[in-house]
Amino acid sequence: MKKVFLSLIILVFLSVSCRKARTCVCTILQPNIAADTTKVVIDNTEVKAFSICTSKDLMVTNTATTTCVIVEN
């Protein structure tokens, strides 16, 4: 039981220690309009930050597209 409890504590510590601020850069492209770039800082683990960032990707009426990626600080 002590080993299980200790393992859980180590797992929680490792998952929290992997948290850091990551920058999500989103670029909006529209025909005949200059590209617009925005940056959002996401303070989370790498996997969750990637998921949050890429969930912002979208296409509106086949003209405007938004592409988001995580960049290294």
Protein backbone atom coordinates (compact mmCIF):
# COMPACT_ATOMS: atom_id res chain seq x y z
CA MET A 1 0.00 0.00 0.00
CA LYS A 2 2.86 2.37 0.81
CA LYS A 3 4.43 1.71 -2.59
CA VAL A 4 1.18 2.54 -4.37
CA PHE A 5 0.76 5.75 -2.38
CA LEU A 6 4.39 6.74 -3.01
CA SER A 7 4.00 6.00 -6.72
CA LEU A 8 0.92 8.20 -6.89
CA ILE A 9 2.74 11.06 -5.18
CA ILE A 10 5.65 10.76 -7.63
CA LEU A 11 3.26 10.66 -10.58
CA VAL A 12 1.46 13.80 -9.40
CA PHE A 13 4.77 15.57 -8.83
CA LEU A 14 6.01 14.69 -12.32
CA SER A 15 2.79 15.79 -14.01
CA VAL A 16 2.79 19.12 -12.17
CA SER A 17 6.47 19.72 -12.82
CA CYS A 18 5.92 19.36 -16.58
CA ARG A 19 3.58 22.35 -16.52
CA LYS A 20 5.00 25.48 -18.03
CA ALA A 21 3.96 28.45 -20.09
CA ARG A 22 3.83 27.64 -23.80
CA THR A 23 3.11 30.07 -26.62
CA CYS A 24 0.37 29.28 -29.11
CA VAL A 25 0.66 31.28 -32.33
CA CYS A 26 -2.45 31.52 -34.51
CA THR A 27 -2.39 32.84 -38.06
CA ILE A 28 -5.59 33.90 -39.81
CA LEU A 29 -5.47 33.85 -43.60
CA GLN A 30 -8.10 35.40 -45.86
CA PRO A 31 -7.90 35.98 -49.61
CA ASN A 32 -6.89 39.57 -50.52
CA ILE A 33 -6.29 40.52 -46.84
CA ALA A 34 -2.98 40.63 -44.98
CA ALA A 35 -2.37 37.71 -42.62
CA ASP A 36 -3.16 38.38 -38.97
CA THR A 37 -1.11 36.66 -36.26
CA THR A 38 -2.01 36.42 -32.58
CA LYS A 39 -0.12 34.85 -29.68
CA VAL A 40 -1.70 33.21 -26.66
CA VAL A 41 0.25 31.91 -23.65
CA ILE A 42 -1.07 28.60 -22.35
CA ASP A 43 0.16 27.48 -18.93
CA ASN A 44 -0.29 23.72 -18.99
CA THR A 45 1.41 20.43 -19.79
CA GLU A 46 2.72 19.92 -23.32
CA VAL A 47 -0.08 17.56 -24.35
CA LYS A 48 -2.90 19.72 -23.00
CA ALA A 49 -1.35 22.92 -24.38
CA PHE A 50 -1.09 21.31 -27.84
CA SER A 51 -4.70 20.16 -27.62
CA ILE A 52 -5.95 23.61 -26.55
CA CYS A 53 -3.89 25.37 -29.21
CA THR A 54 -4.88 23.16 -32.14
CA SER A 55 -8.54 23.23 -31.12
CA LYS A 56 -8.52 26.86 -32.27
CA ASP A 57 -7.87 25.77 -35.89
CA LEU A 58 -10.91 26.43 -38.03
CA MET A 59 -12.15 27.29 -41.48
CA VAL A 60 -14.95 29.80 -42.03
CA THR A 61 -17.05 29.60 -45.20
CA ASN A 62 -14.16 28.16 -47.22
CA THR A 63 -12.38 31.53 -47.27
CA ALA A 64 -10.76 32.29 -43.91
CA THR A 65 -8.53 29.72 -42.25
CA THR A 66 -6.97 29.82 -38.81
CA THR A 67 -3.90 27.72 -38.11
CA CYS A 68 -2.44 27.45 -34.61
CA VAL A 69 0.86 25.91 -33.50
CA ILE A 70 2.91 25.76 -30.31
CA VAL A 71 6.27 27.54 -30.62
CA GLU A 72 9.30 27.14 -28.38
CA ASN A 73 10.02 30.07 -26.06
